[in-house]
Amino acid sequence: MNYHRYYPVDVVNGPGTRCSLFVAGCIHQCRGCYNKSTWSLDSGFTYTQELEDHIIRDLQDTEIKRQGLSLSGGDPLHPQNVPTILRLVQRVKAQCDNKDIWLWTGYLLNELTIEQQVILPYIDVLIDGKFVQELADPKLLWRGSSNQIVHELHKK
């Protein structure tokens, strides 16, 4: 898997102070997407064990407390990203007490493949649906267009 950006301290992509990872690869290629540079699976940088270890350390940091991890892109649920994302979210839930995980995807919740669904038990909030430029609304919280749905999968 490749990624474009990792923000160790982020206050924009989800509630509270978070770590945010923007992965590469998106088949949806929505008109008006603000992250077109992430569409290609080969773009960005190679995701490494060192980066994953860094994310875990940041989530465990006691000086700058993070509420959780945000996963966006590109699309974390792109079929080629699923194995790495699954490993990451499993590790976060096992090693980072009380951290929530938010994930943005262009896929719809009810259309996820079996492979993609395996990630859901580890995700607290899933924002699904393609960005639709005609439904864009800057007043929306955590989503770009009104067709996208914020699914609270697991409440704390």
C-alpha atoms as a PDB file:
ATOM      1  CA  MET A   1       0.000   0.000   0.000  1.00  0.00           C
ATOM      2  CA  ASN A   2       1.077   3.550  -0.633  1.00  0.00           C
ATOM      3  CA  TYR A   3       0.131   6.678   1.251  1.00  0.00           C
ATOM      4  CA  HIS A   4       0.259  10.396   0.541  1.00  0.00           C
ATOM      5  CA  ARG A   5       0.320  12.117   3.895  1.00  0.00           C
ATOM      6  CA  TYR A   6       0.504  11.225   7.529  1.00  0.00           C
ATOM      7  CA  TYR A   7      -0.462  13.931  10.010  1.00  0.00           C
ATOM      8  CA  PRO A   8       0.658  13.042  13.545  1.00  0.00           C
ATOM      9  CA  VAL A   9      -1.462  15.894  14.953  1.00  0.00           C
ATOM     10  CA  ASP A  10      -4.703  16.721  13.143  1.00  0.00           C
ATOM     11  CA  VAL A  11      -7.755  18.613  14.385  1.00  0.00           C
ATOM     12  CA  VAL A  12      -9.712  18.699  11.088  1.00  0.00           C
ATOM     13  CA  ASN A  13     -10.423  15.089  10.073  1.00  0.00           C
ATOM     14  CA  GLY A  14     -12.671  13.880  12.864  1.00  0.00           C
ATOM     15  CA  PRO A  15     -13.347  14.955  16.437  1.00  0.00           C
ATOM     16  CA  GLY A  16     -10.613  15.955  18.852  1.00  0.00           C
ATOM     17  CA  THR A  17      -6.906  15.758  18.202  1.00  0.00           C
ATOM     18  CA  ARG A  18      -6.117  12.810  15.960  1.00  0.00           C
ATOM     19  CA  CYS A  19      -3.560  11.071  13.793  1.00  0.00           C
ATOM     20  CA  SER A  20      -4.612  11.025  10.132  1.00  0.00           C
ATOM     21  CA  LEU A  21      -3.366   8.831   7.308  1.00  0.00           C
ATOM     22  CA  PHE A  22      -4.241   9.565   3.676  1.00  0.00           C
ATOM     23  CA  VAL A  23      -3.702   6.464   1.548  1.00  0.00           C
ATOM     24  CA  ALA A  24      -3.208   6.135  -2.212  1.00  0.00           C
ATOM     25  CA  GLY A  25      -5.649   4.471  -4.565  1.00  0.00           C
ATOM     26  CA  CYS A  26      -9.236   5.312  -5.434  1.00  0.00           C
ATOM     27  CA  ILE A  27     -11.396   3.824  -8.177  1.00  0.00           C
ATOM     28  CA  HIS A  28     -14.261   6.289  -7.633  1.00  0.00           C
ATOM     29  CA  GLN A  29     -12.459   9.353  -9.024  1.00  0.00           C
ATOM     30  CA  CYS A  30     -15.295  11.703  -8.063  1.00  0.00           C
ATOM     31  CA  ARG A  31     -15.726  14.906 -10.030  1.00  0.00           C
ATOM     32  CA  GLY A  32     -14.639  17.792  -7.812  1.00  0.00           C
ATOM     33  CA  CYS A  33     -12.484  15.622  -5.544  1.00  0.00           C
ATOM     34  CA  TYR A  34     -10.036  17.765  -3.567  1.00  0.00           C
ATOM     35  CA  ASN A  35      -7.546  14.893  -3.331  1.00  0.00           C
ATOM     36  CA  LYS A  36      -7.058  13.827  -6.978  1.00  0.00           C
ATOM     37  CA  SER A  37      -3.354  13.256  -6.378  1.00  0.00           C
ATOM     38  CA  THR A  38      -4.271  10.199  -4.280  1.00  0.00           C
ATOM     39  CA  TRP A  39      -6.205   8.357  -7.003  1.00  0.00           C
ATOM     40  CA  SER A  40      -3.313   6.277  -8.350  1.00  0.00           C
ATOM     41  CA  LEU A  41      -2.283   3.241  -6.308  1.00  0.00           C
ATOM     42  CA  ASP A  42       1.341   3.879  -7.303  1.00  0.00           C
ATOM     43  CA  SER A  43       1.409   7.496  -6.144  1.00  0.00           C
ATOM     44  CA  GLY A  44       2.822   8.771  -2.892  1.00  0.00           C
ATOM     45  CA  PHE A  45       5.152   6.811  -0.631  1.00  0.00           C
ATOM     46  CA  THR A  46       5.434   3.164   0.324  1.00  0.00           C
ATOM     47  CA  TYR A  47       3.673   2.362   3.599  1.00  0.00           C
ATOM     48  CA  THR A  48       6.267   0.759   5.876  1.00  0.00           C
ATOM     49  CA  GLN A  49       6.453  -1.004   9.220  1.00  0.00           C
ATOM     50  CA  GLU A  50       8.365   2.038  10.470  1.00  0.00           C
ATOM     51  CA  LEU A  51       5.447   4.323   9.606  1.00  0.00           C
ATOM     52  CA  GLU A  52       2.994   1.962  11.276  1.00  0.00           C
ATOM     53  CA  ASP A  53       5.153   1.864  14.417  1.00  0.00           C
ATOM     54  CA  HIS A  54       5.282   5.667  14.344  1.00  0.00           C
ATOM     55  CA  ILE A  55       1.461   5.883  14.151  1.00  0.00           C
ATOM     56  CA  ILE A  56       1.135   3.557  17.148  1.00  0.00           C
ATOM     57  CA  ARG A  57       3.671   5.595  19.157  1.00  0.00           C
ATOM     58  CA  ASP A  58       1.826   8.807  18.309  1.00  0.00           C
ATOM     59  CA  LEU A  59      -1.494   7.316  19.406  1.00  0.00           C
ATOM     60  CA  GLN A  60       0.115   6.210  22.673  1.00  0.00           C
ATOM     61  CA  ASP A  61       1.747   9.617  23.295  1.00  0.00           C
ATOM     62  CA  THR A  62       0.825  11.021  26.716  1.00  0.00           C
ATOM     63  CA  GLU A  63       2.075  14.571  26.030  1.00  0.00           C
ATOM     64  CA  ILE A  64      -0.163  15.196  23.012  1.00  0.00           C
ATOM     65  CA  LYS A  65      -3.223  13.056  23.676  1.00  0.00           C
ATOM     66  CA  ARG A  66      -4.994  11.871  20.543  1.00  0.00           C
ATOM     67  CA  GLN A  67      -8.620  10.777  20.481  1.00  0.00           C
ATOM     68  CA  GLY A  68      -7.993   8.419  17.612  1.00  0.00           C
ATOM     69  CA  LEU A  69      -6.968   7.627  14.065  1.00  0.00           C
ATOM     70  CA  SER A  70      -8.573   8.926  10.864  1.00  0.00           C
ATOM     71  CA  LEU A  71      -8.144   7.005   7.606  1.00  0.00           C
ATOM     72  CA  SER A  72      -8.887   8.708   4.305  1.00  0.00           C
ATOM     73  CA  GLY A  73      -7.313   9.073   0.928  1.00  0.00           C
ATOM     74  CA  GLY A  74      -7.676   7.948  -1.807  1.00  0.00           C
ATOM     75  CA  ASP A  75      -9.779   5.164  -0.384  1.00  0.00           C
ATOM     76  CA  PRO A  76      -8.677   2.999   2.552  1.00  0.00           C
ATOM     77  CA  LEU A  77     -11.133   0.320   1.371  1.00  0.00           C
ATOM     78  CA  HIS A  78      -9.668   0.072  -2.136  1.00  0.00           C
ATOM     79  CA  PRO A  79      -9.283  -3.715  -2.530  1.00  0.00           C
ATOM     80  CA  GLN A  80      -5.480  -3.462  -2.707  1.00  0.00           C
ATOM     81  CA  ASN A  81      -5.390  -1.395   0.526  1.00  0.00           C
ATOM     82  CA  VAL A  82      -7.624  -3.666   2.600  1.00  0.00           C
ATOM     83  CA  PRO A  83      -4.956  -6.111   3.902  1.00  0.00           C
ATOM     84  CA  THR A  84      -2.696  -3.320   5.183  1.00  0.00           C
ATOM     85  CA  ILE A  85      -5.581  -1.266   6.601  1.00  0.00           C
ATOM     86  CA  LEU A  86      -6.919  -4.370   8.368  1.00  0.00           C
ATOM     87  CA  ARG A  87      -3.546  -5.019   9.973  1.00  0.00           C
ATOM     88  CA  LEU A  88      -3.265  -1.369  11.065  1.00  0.00           C
ATOM     89  CA  VAL A  89      -6.742  -1.110  12.611  1.00  0.00           C
ATOM     90  CA  GLN A  90      -6.321  -4.438  14.404  1.00  0.00           C
ATOM     91  CA  ARG A  91      -3.049  -3.226  15.871  1.00  0.00           C
ATOM     92  CA  VAL A  92      -4.514   0.134  16.918  1.00  0.00           C
ATOM     93  CA  LYS A  93      -7.401  -1.575  18.726  1.00  0.00           C
ATOM     94  CA  ALA A  94      -5.014  -4.041  20.419  1.00  0.00           C
ATOM     95  CA  GLN A  95      -2.307  -1.579  21.478  1.00  0.00           C
ATOM     96  CA  CYS A  96      -3.950   1.842  21.846  1.00  0.00           C
ATOM     97  CA  ASP A  97      -6.498   1.964  24.646  1.00  0.00           C
ATOM     98  CA  ASN A  98      -9.703   3.897  24.036  1.00  0.00           C
ATOM     99  CA  LYS A  99      -8.710   5.288  20.627  1.00  0.00           C
ATOM    100  CA  ASP A 100     -11.463   5.549  18.050  1.00  0.00           C
ATOM    101  CA  ILE A 101     -10.985   4.927  14.350  1.00  0.00           C
ATOM    102  CA  TRP A 102     -12.784   6.925  11.663  1.00  0.00           C
ATOM    103  CA  LEU A 103     -12.655   5.830   8.019  1.00  0.00           C
ATOM    104  CA  TRP A 104     -13.816   7.627   4.865  1.00  0.00           C
ATOM    105  CA  THR A 105     -14.682   5.563   1.772  1.00  0.00           C
ATOM    106  CA  GLY A 106     -16.412   6.068  -1.548  1.00  0.00           C
ATOM    107  CA  TYR A 107     -17.978   2.630  -1.234  1.00  0.00           C
ATOM    108  CA  LEU A 108     -21.443   2.316   0.317  1.00  0.00           C
ATOM    109  CA  LEU A 109     -21.731   0.394   3.579  1.00  0.00           C
ATOM    110  CA  ASN A 110     -24.329  -2.004   2.189  1.00  0.00           C
ATOM    111  CA  GLU A 111     -22.217  -2.731  -0.902  1.00  0.00           C
ATOM    112  CA  LEU A 112     -18.934  -3.654   0.802  1.00  0.00           C
ATOM    113  CA  THR A 113     -17.336  -6.943  -0.179  1.00  0.00           C
ATOM    114  CA  ILE A 114     -16.715  -9.657   2.385  1.00  0.00           C
ATOM    115  CA  GLU A 115     -13.039  -8.638   2.433  1.00  0.00           C
ATOM    116  CA  GLN A 116     -13.909  -4.998   3.111  1.00  0.00           C
ATOM    117  CA  GLN A 117     -16.482  -5.936   5.776  1.00  0.00           C
ATOM    118  CA  VAL A 118     -13.765  -7.666   7.830  1.00  0.00           C
ATOM    119  CA  ILE A 119     -12.479  -4.186   8.748  1.00  0.00           C
ATOM    120  CA  LEU A 120     -15.822  -2.956  10.141  1.00  0.00           C
ATOM    121  CA  PRO A 121     -15.542  -4.460  13.659  1.00  0.00           C
ATOM    122  CA  TYR A 122     -12.435  -2.302  14.193  1.00  0.00           C
ATOM    123  CA  ILE A 123     -13.936   0.950  12.859  1.00  0.00           C
ATOM    124  CA  ASP A 124     -15.936   3.204  15.170  1.00  0.00           C
ATOM    125  CA  VAL A 125     -17.231   5.583  12.492  1.00  0.00           C
ATOM    126  CA  LEU A 126     -17.514   4.983   8.757  1.00  0.00           C
ATOM    127  CA  ILE A 127     -18.317   7.834   6.378  1.00  0.00           C
ATOM    128  CA  ASP A 128     -19.477   6.253   3.139  1.00  0.00           C
ATOM    129  CA  GLY A 129     -20.435   7.335  -0.340  1.00  0.00           C
ATOM    130  CA  LYS A 130     -18.822   9.044  -3.266  1.00  0.00           C
ATOM    131  CA  PHE A 131     -18.360  12.791  -3.194  1.00  0.00           C
ATOM    132  CA  VAL A 132     -21.064  14.334  -5.410  1.00  0.00           C
ATOM    133  CA  GLN A 133     -20.139  17.859  -6.430  1.00  0.00           C
ATOM    134  CA  GLU A 134     -23.781  18.882  -6.987  1.00  0.00           C
ATOM    135  CA  LEU A 135     -24.550  17.898  -3.371  1.00  0.00           C
ATOM    136  CA  ALA A 136     -21.472  19.568  -1.871  1.00  0.00           C
ATOM    137  CA  ASP A 137     -22.165  21.596   1.259  1.00  0.00           C
ATOM    138  CA  PRO A 138     -19.380  23.227   3.305  1.00  0.00           C
ATOM    139  CA  LYS A 139     -21.681  23.333   6.356  1.00  0.00           C
ATOM    140  CA  LEU A 140     -21.744  19.530   6.617  1.00  0.00           C
ATOM    141  CA  LEU A 141     -19.758  18.028   9.454  1.00  0.00           C
ATOM    142  CA  TRP A 142     -17.180  15.343   8.537  1.00  0.00           C
ATOM    143  CA  ARG A 143     -18.418  14.916   4.945  1.00  0.00           C
ATOM    144  CA  GLY A 144     -18.235  16.815   1.701  1.00  0.00           C
ATOM    145  CA  SER A 145     -21.618  16.131   0.114  1.00  0.00           C
ATOM    146  CA  SER A 146     -25.073  15.461   1.518  1.00  0.00           C
ATOM    147  CA  ASN A 147     -25.339  11.950   0.035  1.00  0.00           C
ATOM    148  CA  GLN A 148     -22.510  10.738   2.268  1.00  0.00           C
ATOM    149  CA  ILE A 149     -23.586   9.121   5.532  1.00  0.00           C
ATOM    150  CA  VAL A 150     -21.815   9.119   8.893  1.00  0.00           C
ATOM    151  CA  HIS A 151     -22.328   5.621  10.328  1.00  0.00           C
ATOM    152  CA  GLU A 152     -21.574   5.237  14.030  1.00  0.00           C
ATOM    153  CA  LEU A 153     -20.677   1.556  14.049  1.00  0.00           C
ATOM    154  CA  HIS A 154     -19.452   1.311  17.643  1.00  0.00           C
ATOM    155  CA  LYS A 155     -20.262   3.791  20.390  1.00  0.00           C
ATOM    156  CA  LYS A 156     -17.853   4.327  23.252  1.00  0.00           C
END
